[in-house]
Amino acid sequence: MRTLLAICLTAACLAGHDHIDTRLSVADIHGRMQQPFAPAEGKLSALFFITADCPISNYYAAEIRRICTRQAGRLTCYLIYTDPTLSVDAIEKHKAEYGHGDYAAIFDQKQLLVKAAGATVTPETALVNAAGELVYRRRIDDSYASWGKRRVVITDHNLTDAIDATLSGKPIAQPRTKATGCFITPVEMLKNIRPDLQ
């Protein structure tokens, strides 16, 4: 399994990746084609980059479900599983175990969505507006000050604030934030030890 590595993203990691290909189409775990970067009319898309063995990612399961349920009429949610060594069965088990909703789960085995959004840790989120622009990236909120250090009081609900601002036509106060989580090992590195991932 991947080694869990906590990192806080640097300013260099926050640059770029704002222009994305809205035509990118991928299958979810049930074989349905999805276009996460092309929201339905009147909605936004939120991509949540997660994996099964990251404790910080798993901690956020309830908050992801809360956001997606509360914003159901305005937001289309996608769970993006970033670990190429997983299986669809493992994803379905994890999704059920952590109480994720019926939003689409995508096994990003080739990390196409990871690369397109510039995701580097789990959990991480990307918010896409109706024009297909990546308007917000990185943390869901400020629950974690650093690896292993969770705040008692959450003061910044970054993703929720970004959703509300975008739908109100207002600028997002912090369109790029820092995320604390587990390093997403690039599939190219994993192929060196897992030839079956070719």
N, C-alpha and C. Protein backbone atom coordinates (compact mmCIF):
# COMPACT_ATOMS: atom_id res chain seq x y z
N MET A 1 0.85 -1.20 0.00
CA MET A 1 0.00 0.00 0.00
C MET A 1 0.88 1.24 0.00
N ARG A 2 0.24 2.34 -0.39
CA ARG A 2 0.98 3.59 -0.41
C ARG A 2 1.35 4.01 1.00
N THR A 3 2.46 4.67 1.11
CA THR A 3 2.83 5.27 2.39
C THR A 3 2.02 6.54 2.56
N LEU A 4 1.42 6.70 3.75
CA LEU A 4 0.65 7.90 4.01
C LEU A 4 1.62 9.02 4.34
N LEU A 5 1.45 10.13 3.66
CA LEU A 5 2.35 11.25 3.86
C LEU A 5 1.56 12.53 3.99
N ALA A 6 1.74 13.21 5.08
CA ALA A 6 1.03 14.48 5.29
C ALA A 6 1.84 15.60 4.67
N ILE A 7 1.18 16.41 3.86
CA ILE A 7 1.86 17.57 3.32
C ILE A 7 0.93 18.76 3.30
N CYS A 8 1.45 19.90 3.54
CA CYS A 8 0.72 21.15 3.32
C CYS A 8 1.25 21.71 2.02
N LEU A 9 0.36 22.05 1.13
CA LEU A 9 0.76 22.48 -0.19
C LEU A 9 1.46 23.84 -0.14
N THR A 10 2.48 23.99 -0.94
CA THR A 10 3.20 25.25 -1.01
C THR A 10 2.56 26.14 -2.07
N ALA A 11 3.00 27.38 -2.10
CA ALA A 11 2.44 28.32 -3.08
C ALA A 11 2.67 27.82 -4.50
N ALA A 12 3.81 27.17 -4.72
CA ALA A 12 4.11 26.67 -6.06
C ALA A 12 3.10 25.63 -6.50
N CYS A 13 2.59 24.83 -5.54
CA CYS A 13 1.63 23.79 -5.87
C CYS A 13 0.26 24.37 -6.21
N LEU A 14 0.03 25.61 -5.79
CA LEU A 14 -1.29 26.18 -5.97
C LEU A 14 -1.48 26.84 -7.33
N ALA A 15 -0.42 26.98 -8.09
CA ALA A 15 -0.51 27.69 -9.36
C ALA A 15 -1.02 26.80 -10.47
N GLY A 16 -1.68 27.44 -11.44
CA GLY A 16 -2.05 26.74 -12.67
C GLY A 16 -3.26 25.84 -12.58
N HIS A 17 -3.49 25.10 -13.67
CA HIS A 17 -4.57 24.12 -13.78
C HIS A 17 -5.96 24.74 -13.75
N ASP A 18 -6.08 26.03 -14.06
CA ASP A 18 -7.39 26.67 -14.05
C ASP A 18 -8.17 26.37 -15.32
N HIS A 19 -7.47 26.13 -16.40
CA HIS A 19 -8.13 25.86 -17.67
C HIS A 19 -8.18 24.35 -17.87
N ILE A 20 -9.38 23.80 -17.85
CA ILE A 20 -9.55 22.36 -17.93
C ILE A 20 -10.38 21.98 -19.14
N ASP A 21 -10.24 20.76 -19.57
CA ASP A 21 -10.98 20.26 -20.72
C ASP A 21 -12.35 19.78 -20.25
N THR A 22 -13.37 20.57 -20.54
CA THR A 22 -14.72 20.21 -20.09
C THR A 22 -15.25 18.97 -20.79
N ARG A 23 -14.60 18.57 -21.88
CA ARG A 23 -15.07 17.38 -22.63
C ARG A 23 -14.58 16.08 -22.03
N LEU A 24 -13.70 16.15 -21.04
CA LEU A 24 -13.15 14.93 -20.44
C LEU A 24 -14.28 14.07 -19.89
N SER A 25 -14.38 12.87 -20.39
CA SER A 25 -15.46 11.96 -20.01
C SER A 25 -14.86 10.68 -19.46
N VAL A 26 -15.36 10.25 -18.29
CA VAL A 26 -14.84 9.04 -17.65
C VAL A 26 -16.02 8.22 -17.13
N ALA A 27 -15.80 6.93 -17.00
CA ALA A 27 -16.86 6.05 -16.50
C ALA A 27 -16.82 5.99 -14.98
N ASP A 28 -18.00 5.96 -14.36
CA ASP A 28 -18.04 5.75 -12.92
C ASP A 28 -17.97 4.24 -12.64
N ILE A 29 -18.06 3.85 -11.38
CA ILE A 29 -17.86 2.43 -11.05
C ILE A 29 -19.01 1.55 -11.53
N HIS A 30 -20.10 2.18 -12.00
CA HIS A 30 -21.23 1.42 -12.55
C HIS A 30 -21.26 1.46 -14.07
N GLY A 31 -20.21 2.03 -14.67
CA GLY A 31 -20.11 2.05 -16.12
C GLY A 31 -20.81 3.22 -16.78
N ARG A 32 -21.37 4.13 -16.00
CA ARG A 32 -22.04 5.30 -16.57
C ARG A 32 -21.00 6.38 -16.87
N MET A 33 -21.09 6.98 -18.05
CA MET A 33 -20.14 8.02 -18.42
C MET A 33 -20.47 9.32 -17.70
N GLN A 34 -19.44 9.96 -17.18
CA GLN A 34 -19.59 11.20 -16.42
C GLN A 34 -18.65 12.26 -16.99
N GLN A 35 -19.08 13.51 -16.90
CA GLN A 35 -18.24 14.65 -17.30
C GLN A 35 -18.17 15.62 -16.12
N PRO A 36 -17.29 15.34 -15.18
CA PRO A 36 -17.23 16.15 -13.95
C PRO A 36 -16.90 17.62 -14.18
N PHE A 37 -16.21 17.93 -15.29
CA PHE A 37 -15.82 19.31 -15.54
C PHE A 37 -16.84 20.06 -16.40
N ALA A 38 -17.99 19.43 -16.65
CA ALA A 38 -19.05 20.06 -17.43
C ALA A 38 -20.36 19.98 -16.65
N PRO A 39 -20.55 20.87 -15.67
CA PRO A 39 -21.75 20.81 -14.84
C PRO A 39 -23.03 20.96 -15.66
N ALA A 40 -24.10 20.36 -15.14
CA ALA A 40 -25.41 20.54 -15.75
C ALA A 40 -25.81 22.01 -15.62
N GLU A 41 -26.69 22.44 -16.49
CA GLU A 41 -27.11 23.84 -16.49
C GLU A 41 -27.65 24.25 -15.12
N GLY A 42 -27.14 25.37 -14.63
CA GLY A 42 -27.60 25.89 -13.35
C GLY A 42 -26.94 25.26 -12.14
N LYS A 43 -26.01 24.35 -12.36
CA LYS A 43 -25.34 23.67 -11.25
C LYS A 43 -23.83 23.89 -11.29
N LEU A 44 -23.21 23.53 -10.18
CA LEU A 44 -21.76 23.47 -10.08
C LEU A 44 -21.37 22.00 -9.93
N SER A 45 -20.10 21.71 -10.17
CA SER A 45 -19.56 20.37 -9.91
C SER A 45 -18.52 20.45 -8.81
N ALA A 46 -18.57 19.48 -7.91
CA ALA A 46 -17.53 19.38 -6.87
C ALA A 46 -16.91 18.00 -6.97
N LEU A 47 -15.60 17.96 -7.19
CA LEU A 47 -14.85 16.71 -7.24
C LEU A 47 -14.13 16.55 -5.92
N PHE A 48 -14.35 15.43 -5.26
CA PHE A 48 -13.68 15.14 -3.99
C PHE A 48 -12.68 14.02 -4.22
N PHE A 49 -11.40 14.34 -4.16
CA PHE A 49 -10.34 13.37 -4.38
C PHE A 49 -10.07 12.67 -3.05
N ILE A 50 -10.33 11.36 -3.02
CA ILE A 50 -10.20 10.60 -1.78
C ILE A 50 -9.52 9.26 -2.07
N THR A 51 -9.24 8.53 -1.01
CA THR A 51 -8.81 7.15 -1.14
C THR A 51 -9.23 6.39 0.10
N ALA A 52 -9.08 5.09 0.07
CA ALA A 52 -9.65 4.25 1.14
C ALA A 52 -8.82 4.19 2.40
N ASP A 53 -7.51 4.40 2.30
CA ASP A 53 -6.64 4.16 3.46
C ASP A 53 -6.08 5.43 4.08
N CYS A 54 -6.65 6.56 3.75
CA CYS A 54 -6.16 7.83 4.31
C CYS A 54 -7.07 8.26 5.46
N PRO A 55 -6.56 8.34 6.69
CA PRO A 55 -7.42 8.68 7.83
C PRO A 55 -8.04 10.07 7.73
N ILE A 56 -7.32 11.02 7.16
CA ILE A 56 -7.88 12.36 7.02
C ILE A 56 -9.00 12.34 5.98
N SER A 57 -8.79 11.65 4.89
CA SER A 57 -9.81 11.50 3.87
C SER A 57 -11.06 10.85 4.45
N ASN A 58 -10.88 9.81 5.23
CA ASN A 58 -12.01 9.11 5.83
C ASN A 58 -12.73 9.98 6.86
N TYR A 59 -11.98 10.79 7.58
CA TYR A 59 -12.59 11.71 8.55
C TYR A 59 -13.60 12.62 7.87
N TYR A 60 -13.31 13.03 6.64
CA TYR A 60 -14.15 13.99 5.93
C TYR A 60 -15.38 13.36 5.26
N ALA A 61 -15.55 12.06 5.36
CA ALA A 61 -16.69 11.41 4.68
C ALA A 61 -18.02 12.02 5.09
N ALA A 62 -18.20 12.23 6.38
CA ALA A 62 -19.47 12.79 6.86
C ALA A 62 -19.68 14.22 6.36
N GLU A 63 -18.62 15.00 6.31
CA GLU A 63 -18.74 16.38 5.84
C GLU A 63 -19.01 16.43 4.34
N ILE A 64 -18.39 15.54 3.59
CA ILE A 64 -18.67 15.46 2.15
C ILE A 64 -20.15 15.14 1.93
N ARG A 65 -20.63 14.16 2.67
CA ARG A 65 -22.05 13.78 2.55
C ARG A 65 -22.95 14.95 2.93
N ARG A 66 -22.61 15.66 3.99
CA ARG A 66 -23.42 16.80 4.43
C ARG A 66 -23.48 17.88 3.36
N ILE A 67 -22.33 18.21 2.79
CA ILE A 67 -22.28 19.25 1.75
C ILE A 67 -23.10 18.83 0.54
N CYS A 68 -22.91 17.60 0.10
CA CYS A 68 -23.59 17.13 -1.11
C CYS A 68 -25.09 17.01 -0.91
N THR A 69 -25.51 16.67 0.30
CA THR A 69 -26.95 16.58 0.60
C THR A 69 -27.56 17.97 0.69
N ARG A 70 -26.88 18.86 1.40
CA ARG A 70 -27.40 20.23 1.59
C ARG A 70 -27.45 20.99 0.26
N GLN A 71 -26.50 20.75 -0.61
CA GLN A 71 -26.41 21.50 -1.86
C GLN A 71 -26.95 20.71 -3.05
N ALA A 72 -27.73 19.67 -2.82
CA ALA A 72 -28.15 18.74 -3.87
C ALA A 72 -28.77 19.41 -5.08
N GLY A 73 -29.55 20.45 -4.88
CA GLY A 73 -30.19 21.10 -6.01
C GLY A 73 -29.28 22.01 -6.81
N ARG A 74 -28.11 22.31 -6.24
CA ARG A 74 -27.21 23.27 -6.88
C ARG A 74 -25.85 22.70 -7.23
N LEU A 75 -25.59 21.49 -6.73
CA LEU A 75 -24.24 20.93 -6.83
C LEU A 75 -24.29 19.46 -7.24
N THR A 76 -23.45 19.09 -8.20
CA THR A 76 -23.28 17.68 -8.55
C THR A 76 -21.95 17.22 -7.98
N CYS A 77 -22.00 16.19 -7.13
CA CYS A 77 -20.80 15.72 -6.44
C CYS A 77 -20.23 14.47 -7.09
N TYR A 78 -18.93 14.37 -7.05
CA TYR A 78 -18.22 13.20 -7.56
C TYR A 78 -17.15 12.78 -6.55
N LEU A 79 -17.14 11.51 -6.19
CA LEU A 79 -16.05 10.95 -5.41
C LEU A 79 -15.01 10.42 -6.38
N ILE A 80 -13.81 10.92 -6.29
CA ILE A 80 -12.74 10.49 -7.20
C ILE A 80 -11.74 9.67 -6.39
N TYR A 81 -11.75 8.36 -6.61
CA TYR A 81 -10.79 7.47 -5.93
C TYR A 81 -9.48 7.49 -6.70
N THR A 82 -8.43 7.93 -6.02
CA THR A 82 -7.17 8.24 -6.71
C THR A 82 -6.15 7.11 -6.73
N ASP A 83 -6.37 6.06 -5.95
CA ASP A 83 -5.37 4.99 -5.80
C ASP A 83 -5.57 3.92 -6.87
N PRO A 84 -4.65 3.79 -7.83
CA PRO A 84 -4.82 2.81 -8.91
C PRO A 84 -4.77 1.37 -8.45
N THR A 85 -4.31 1.11 -7.21
CA THR A 85 -4.21 -0.28 -6.73
C THR A 85 -5.52 -0.79 -6.14
N LEU A 86 -6.52 0.08 -6.05
CA LEU A 86 -7.82 -0.36 -5.54
C LEU A 86 -8.56 -1.20 -6.58
N SER A 87 -9.74 -1.67 -6.21
CA SER A 87 -10.62 -2.38 -7.14
C SER A 87 -12.01 -1.78 -6.97
N VAL A 88 -12.89 -2.05 -7.92
CA VAL A 88 -14.25 -1.55 -7.83
C VAL A 88 -14.94 -2.11 -6.59
N ASP A 89 -14.70 -3.38 -6.30
CA ASP A 89 -15.29 -3.99 -5.10
C ASP A 89 -14.83 -3.27 -3.83
N ALA A 90 -13.54 -2.95 -3.77
CA ALA A 90 -13.00 -2.25 -2.60
C ALA A 90 -13.60 -0.85 -2.48
N ILE A 91 -13.82 -0.21 -3.61
CA ILE A 91 -14.42 1.13 -3.61
C ILE A 91 -15.86 1.07 -3.12
N GLU A 92 -16.62 0.11 -3.61
CA GLU A 92 -18.01 -0.03 -3.18
C GLU A 92 -18.10 -0.31 -1.68
N LYS A 93 -17.19 -1.15 -1.19
CA LYS A 93 -17.16 -1.47 0.24
C LYS A 93 -16.83 -0.23 1.05
N HIS A 94 -15.82 0.51 0.62
CA HIS A 94 -15.41 1.72 1.33
C HIS A 94 -16.54 2.75 1.32
N LYS A 95 -17.17 2.94 0.18
CA LYS A 95 -18.25 3.92 0.04
C LYS A 95 -19.39 3.61 1.02
N ALA A 96 -19.72 2.33 1.13
CA ALA A 96 -20.79 1.92 2.05
C ALA A 96 -20.35 2.06 3.51
N GLU A 97 -19.12 1.65 3.80
CA GLU A 97 -18.61 1.68 5.17
C GLU A 97 -18.59 3.08 5.74
N TYR A 98 -18.27 4.07 4.91
CA TYR A 98 -18.15 5.44 5.39
C TYR A 98 -19.39 6.28 5.10
N GLY A 99 -20.46 5.65 4.65
CA GLY A 99 -21.74 6.32 4.53
C GLY A 99 -21.83 7.39 3.47
N HIS A 100 -21.06 7.23 2.40
CA HIS A 100 -21.17 8.19 1.31
C HIS A 100 -22.52 8.03 0.64
N GLY A 101 -23.01 9.10 0.08
CA GLY A 101 -24.33 9.10 -0.55
C GLY A 101 -24.32 8.44 -1.92
N ASP A 102 -25.38 8.73 -2.69
CA ASP A 102 -25.51 8.11 -4.00
C ASP A 102 -24.85 8.90 -5.12
N TYR A 103 -24.01 9.89 -4.74
CA TYR A 103 -23.28 10.62 -5.76
C TYR A 103 -22.28 9.69 -6.45
N ALA A 104 -21.94 10.02 -7.68
CA ALA A 104 -21.12 9.15 -8.51
C ALA A 104 -19.73 8.93 -7.91
N ALA A 105 -19.27 7.69 -7.97
CA ALA A 105 -17.91 7.35 -7.56
C ALA A 105 -17.13 6.94 -8.80
N ILE A 106 -15.98 7.54 -8.98
CA ILE A 106 -15.16 7.29 -10.16
C ILE A 106 -13.82 6.70 -9.72
N PHE A 107 -13.46 5.58 -10.32
CA PHE A 107 -12.16 4.96 -10.07
C PHE A 107 -11.20 5.56 -11.08
N ASP A 108 -10.43 6.55 -10.63
CA ASP A 108 -9.52 7.28 -11.53
C ASP A 108 -8.21 6.51 -11.66
N GLN A 109 -8.30 5.32 -12.23
CA GLN A 109 -7.16 4.40 -12.26
C GLN A 109 -5.97 4.96 -13.01
N LYS A 110 -6.22 5.74 -14.05
CA LYS A 110 -5.12 6.36 -14.80
C LYS A 110 -4.82 7.78 -14.32
N GLN A 111 -5.54 8.20 -13.30
CA GLN A 111 -5.36 9.52 -12.68
C GLN A 111 -5.55 10.67 -13.67
N LEU A 112 -6.47 10.50 -14.58
CA LEU A 112 -6.77 11.55 -15.55
C LEU A 112 -7.36 12.78 -14.87
N LEU A 113 -8.27 12.54 -13.93
CA LEU A 113 -8.91 13.65 -13.23
C LEU A 113 -7.95 14.28 -12.23
N VAL A 114 -7.14 13.44 -11.59
CA VAL A 114 -6.11 13.95 -10.67
C VAL A 114 -5.22 14.95 -11.39
N LYS A 115 -4.76 14.58 -12.57
CA LYS A 115 -3.86 15.44 -13.33
C LYS A 115 -4.57 16.68 -13.85
N ALA A 116 -5.79 16.51 -14.32
CA ALA A 116 -6.53 17.65 -14.88
C ALA A 116 -6.81 18.72 -13.83
N ALA A 117 -7.10 18.27 -12.60
CA ALA A 117 -7.41 19.22 -11.53
C ALA A 117 -6.18 19.63 -10.73
N GLY A 118 -5.05 18.95 -10.95
CA GLY A 118 -3.84 19.27 -10.20
C GLY A 118 -3.90 18.82 -8.76
N ALA A 119 -4.68 17.78 -8.47
CA ALA A 119 -4.79 17.30 -7.09
C ALA A 119 -3.51 16.61 -6.66
N THR A 120 -3.12 16.81 -5.41
CA THR A 120 -1.88 16.21 -4.91
C THR A 120 -2.05 15.44 -3.59
N VAL A 121 -3.14 15.69 -2.87
CA VAL A 121 -3.38 14.97 -1.62
C VAL A 121 -4.83 14.53 -1.53
N THR A 122 -5.09 13.61 -0.59
CA THR A 122 -6.47 13.27 -0.27
C THR A 122 -6.70 13.58 1.21
N PRO A 123 -7.82 14.25 1.56
CA PRO A 123 -8.84 14.69 0.63
C PRO A 123 -8.50 16.05 0.05
N GLU A 124 -9.00 16.27 -1.13
CA GLU A 124 -8.84 17.56 -1.79
C GLU A 124 -10.08 17.75 -2.65
N THR A 125 -10.45 18.99 -2.87
CA THR A 125 -11.65 19.24 -3.66
C THR A 125 -11.38 20.23 -4.78
N ALA A 126 -12.17 20.11 -5.84
CA ALA A 126 -12.11 21.04 -6.96
C ALA A 126 -13.54 21.44 -7.29
N LEU A 127 -13.79 22.74 -7.36
CA LEU A 127 -15.13 23.25 -7.66
C LEU A 127 -15.13 23.86 -9.05
N VAL A 128 -16.09 23.43 -9.86
CA VAL A 128 -16.18 23.87 -11.26
C VAL A 128 -17.49 24.62 -11.45
N ASN A 129 -17.41 25.79 -12.07
CA ASN A 129 -18.63 26.58 -12.28
C ASN A 129 -19.33 26.19 -13.58
N ALA A 130 -20.43 26.86 -13.86
CA ALA A 130 -21.25 26.52 -15.01
C ALA A 130 -20.53 26.71 -16.34
N ALA A 131 -19.50 27.55 -16.34
CA ALA A 131 -18.72 27.79 -17.55
C ALA A 131 -17.58 26.78 -17.72
N GLY A 132 -17.47 25.84 -16.79
CA GLY A 132 -16.41 24.85 -16.87
C GLY A 132 -15.08 25.37 -16.38
N GLU A 133 -15.11 26.38 -15.52
CA GLU A 133 -13.88 26.94 -14.97
C GLU A 133 -13.66 26.42 -13.56
N LEU A 134 -12.41 26.06 -13.28
CA LEU A 134 -12.06 25.56 -11.96
C LEU A 134 -11.87 26.77 -11.05
N VAL A 135 -12.91 27.05 -10.24
CA VAL A 135 -12.92 28.31 -9.49
C VAL A 135 -12.40 28.18 -8.06
N TYR A 136 -12.37 26.96 -7.54
CA TYR A 136 -11.84 26.76 -6.19
C TYR A 136 -11.11 25.43 -6.12
N ARG A 137 -10.01 25.41 -5.37
CA ARG A 137 -9.23 24.18 -5.22
C ARG A 137 -8.65 24.05 -3.81
N ARG A 138 -8.51 22.79 -3.41
CA ARG A 138 -7.77 22.33 -2.22
C ARG A 138 -8.66 21.90 -1.06
N ARG A 139 -8.59 22.58 0.09
CA ARG A 139 -9.19 22.00 1.29
C ARG A 139 -10.71 22.20 1.36
N ILE A 140 -11.37 21.32 2.09
CA ILE A 140 -12.81 21.40 2.31
C ILE A 140 -13.10 22.44 3.39
N ASP A 141 -12.35 22.38 4.47
CA ASP A 141 -12.42 23.37 5.54
C ASP A 141 -11.10 23.33 6.30
N ASP A 142 -11.04 24.04 7.42
CA ASP A 142 -9.76 24.10 8.15
C ASP A 142 -9.74 23.18 9.37
N SER A 143 -10.41 22.03 9.27
CA SER A 143 -10.43 21.08 10.39
C SER A 143 -9.04 20.69 10.85
N TYR A 144 -8.12 20.55 9.90
CA TYR A 144 -6.76 20.12 10.22
C TYR A 144 -5.79 21.28 10.13
N ALA A 145 -5.11 21.55 11.25
CA ALA A 145 -4.05 22.55 11.25
C ALA A 145 -2.80 21.98 10.59
N SER A 146 -2.58 20.68 10.81
CA SER A 146 -1.48 19.96 10.20
C SER A 146 -1.76 18.47 10.41
N TRP A 147 -0.88 17.62 9.91
CA TRP A 147 -1.07 16.18 10.06
C TRP A 147 -1.18 15.81 11.55
N GLY A 148 -2.27 15.15 11.91
CA GLY A 148 -2.46 14.72 13.28
C GLY A 148 -2.93 15.80 14.24
N LYS A 149 -3.12 17.00 13.75
CA LYS A 149 -3.55 18.11 14.61
C LYS A 149 -4.87 18.67 14.10
N ARG A 150 -5.96 18.17 14.71
CA ARG A 150 -7.28 18.60 14.30
C ARG A 150 -7.76 19.73 15.21
N ARG A 151 -8.33 20.74 14.61
CA ARG A 151 -8.83 21.88 15.38
C ARG A 151 -10.12 21.51 16.12
N VAL A 152 -10.28 22.07 17.31
CA VAL A 152 -11.51 21.87 18.08
C VAL A 152 -12.64 22.67 17.44
N VAL A 153 -12.31 23.88 16.99
CA VAL A 153 -13.30 24.75 16.38
C VAL A 153 -12.92 25.01 14.92
N ILE A 154 -13.85 24.74 14.02
CA ILE A 154 -13.63 24.99 12.59
C ILE A 154 -14.08 26.42 12.31
N THR A 155 -13.18 27.21 11.77
CA THR A 155 -13.52 28.62 11.52
C THR A 155 -13.70 28.94 10.04
N ASP A 156 -13.08 28.14 9.16
CA ASP A 156 -13.17 28.40 7.72
C ASP A 156 -13.82 27.22 7.00
N HIS A 157 -15.02 27.43 6.51
CA HIS A 157 -15.72 26.42 5.71
C HIS A 157 -15.50 26.78 4.24
N ASN A 158 -14.28 26.57 3.79
CA ASN A 158 -13.84 27.10 2.51
C ASN A 158 -14.68 26.66 1.32
N LEU A 159 -14.94 25.36 1.22
CA LEU A 159 -15.70 24.88 0.07
C LEU A 159 -17.13 25.40 0.08
N THR A 160 -17.80 25.33 1.22
CA THR A 160 -19.17 25.83 1.32
C THR A 160 -19.22 27.31 0.97
N ASP A 161 -18.27 28.08 1.48
CA ASP A 161 -18.22 29.51 1.17
C ASP A 161 -18.00 29.75 -0.32
N ALA A 162 -17.16 28.91 -0.93
CA ALA A 162 -16.88 29.05 -2.37
C ALA A 162 -18.13 28.74 -3.19
N ILE A 163 -18.88 27.72 -2.77
CA ILE A 163 -20.12 27.37 -3.47
C ILE A 163 -21.11 28.52 -3.38
N ASP A 164 -21.32 29.03 -2.18
CA ASP A 164 -22.27 30.12 -1.96
C ASP A 164 -21.88 31.37 -2.75
N ALA A 165 -20.60 31.70 -2.74
CA ALA A 165 -20.14 32.89 -3.46
C ALA A 165 -20.34 32.73 -4.96
N THR A 166 -19.98 31.57 -5.49
CA THR A 166 -20.09 31.34 -6.94
C THR A 166 -21.54 31.42 -7.39
N LEU A 167 -22.43 30.80 -6.64
CA LEU A 167 -23.84 30.81 -7.03
C LEU A 167 -24.49 32.18 -6.84
N SER A 168 -23.87 33.01 -6.02
CA SER A 168 -24.38 34.37 -5.82
C SER A 168 -23.72 35.37 -6.77
N GLY A 169 -22.80 34.88 -7.60
CA GLY A 169 -22.11 35.76 -8.53
C GLY A 169 -21.08 36.65 -7.87
N LYS A 170 -20.62 36.25 -6.70
CA LYS A 170 -19.63 37.03 -5.98
C LYS A 170 -18.25 36.39 -6.09
N PRO A 171 -17.19 37.15 -5.91
CA PRO A 171 -15.84 36.56 -5.94
C PRO A 171 -15.62 35.67 -4.73
N ILE A 172 -14.83 34.61 -4.92
CA ILE A 172 -14.48 33.71 -3.82
C ILE A 172 -13.34 34.35 -3.03
N ALA A 173 -13.53 34.45 -1.74
CA ALA A 173 -12.53 35.12 -0.90
C ALA A 173 -11.17 34.44 -0.98
N GLN A 174 -11.18 33.09 -0.94
CA GLN A 174 -9.93 32.33 -1.02
C GLN A 174 -10.09 31.24 -2.09
N PRO A 175 -9.83 31.56 -3.35
CA PRO A 175 -10.01 30.56 -4.41
C PRO A 175 -8.99 29.44 -4.39
N ARG A 176 -7.87 29.66 -3.70
CA ARG A 176 -6.84 28.63 -3.57
C ARG A 176 -6.42 28.55 -2.11
N THR A 177 -6.52 27.37 -1.53
CA THR A 177 -6.14 27.20 -0.14
C THR A 177 -5.09 26.10 -0.03
N LYS A 178 -4.64 25.83 1.17
CA LYS A 178 -3.68 24.75 1.42
C LYS A 178 -4.42 23.54 1.99
N ALA A 179 -4.07 22.36 1.52
CA ALA A 179 -4.71 21.14 2.01
C ALA A 179 -3.71 20.29 2.77
N THR A 180 -4.19 19.66 3.81
CA THR A 180 -3.40 18.70 4.57
C THR A 180 -4.00 17.32 4.33
N GLY A 181 -3.18 16.37 3.95
CA GLY A 181 -3.72 15.04 3.69
C GLY A 181 -2.66 14.05 3.28
N CYS A 182 -3.09 13.00 2.62
CA CYS A 182 -2.20 11.91 2.22
C CYS A 182 -1.77 12.10 0.76
N PHE A 183 -0.50 11.98 0.55
CA PHE A 183 0.09 12.19 -0.76
C PHE A 183 -0.51 11.23 -1.80
N ILE A 184 -0.89 11.77 -2.95
CA ILE A 184 -1.37 10.93 -4.05
C ILE A 184 -0.15 10.46 -4.84
N THR A 185 0.16 9.19 -4.71
CA THR A 185 1.32 8.65 -5.43
C THR A 185 1.00 8.58 -6.92
N PRO A 186 1.81 9.23 -7.76
CA PRO A 186 1.54 9.20 -9.20
C PRO A 186 1.54 7.77 -9.74
N VAL A 187 0.62 7.49 -10.65
CA VAL A 187 0.50 6.15 -11.20
C VAL A 187 1.80 5.72 -11.88
N GLU A 188 2.55 6.67 -12.43
CA GLU A 188 3.82 6.33 -13.09
C GLU A 188 4.81 5.73 -12.11
N MET A 189 4.79 6.20 -10.86
CA MET A 189 5.67 5.63 -9.84
C MET A 189 5.21 4.25 -9.43
N LEU A 190 3.91 4.06 -9.32
CA LEU A 190 3.37 2.78 -8.90
C LEU A 190 3.62 1.68 -9.93
N LYS A 191 3.67 2.06 -11.18
CA LYS A 191 3.88 1.07 -12.24
C LYS A 191 5.23 0.37 -12.11
N ASN A 192 6.19 1.05 -11.45
CA ASN A 192 7.51 0.43 -11.28
C ASN A 192 7.46 -0.78 -10.35
N ILE A 193 6.48 -0.78 -9.44
CA ILE A 193 6.37 -1.91 -8.51
C ILE A 193 5.13 -2.76 -8.76
N ARG A 194 4.24 -2.25 -9.60
CA ARG A 194 3.02 -2.98 -9.93
C ARG A 194 2.86 -3.05 -11.45
N PRO A 195 3.54 -4.00 -12.10
CA PRO A 195 3.45 -4.11 -13.57
C PRO A 195 2.03 -4.30 -14.09
N ASP A 196 1.14 -4.83 -13.24
CA ASP A 196 -0.24 -5.07 -13.66
C ASP A 196 -1.00 -3.77 -13.88
N LEU A 197 -0.42 -2.64 -13.47
CA LEU A 197 -1.08 -1.35 -13.66
C LEU A 197 -0.80 -0.74 -15.02
N GLN A 198 -0.02 -1.43 -15.84
CA GLN A 198 0.32 -0.92 -17.17
C GLN A 198 -0.94 -0.74 -18.01
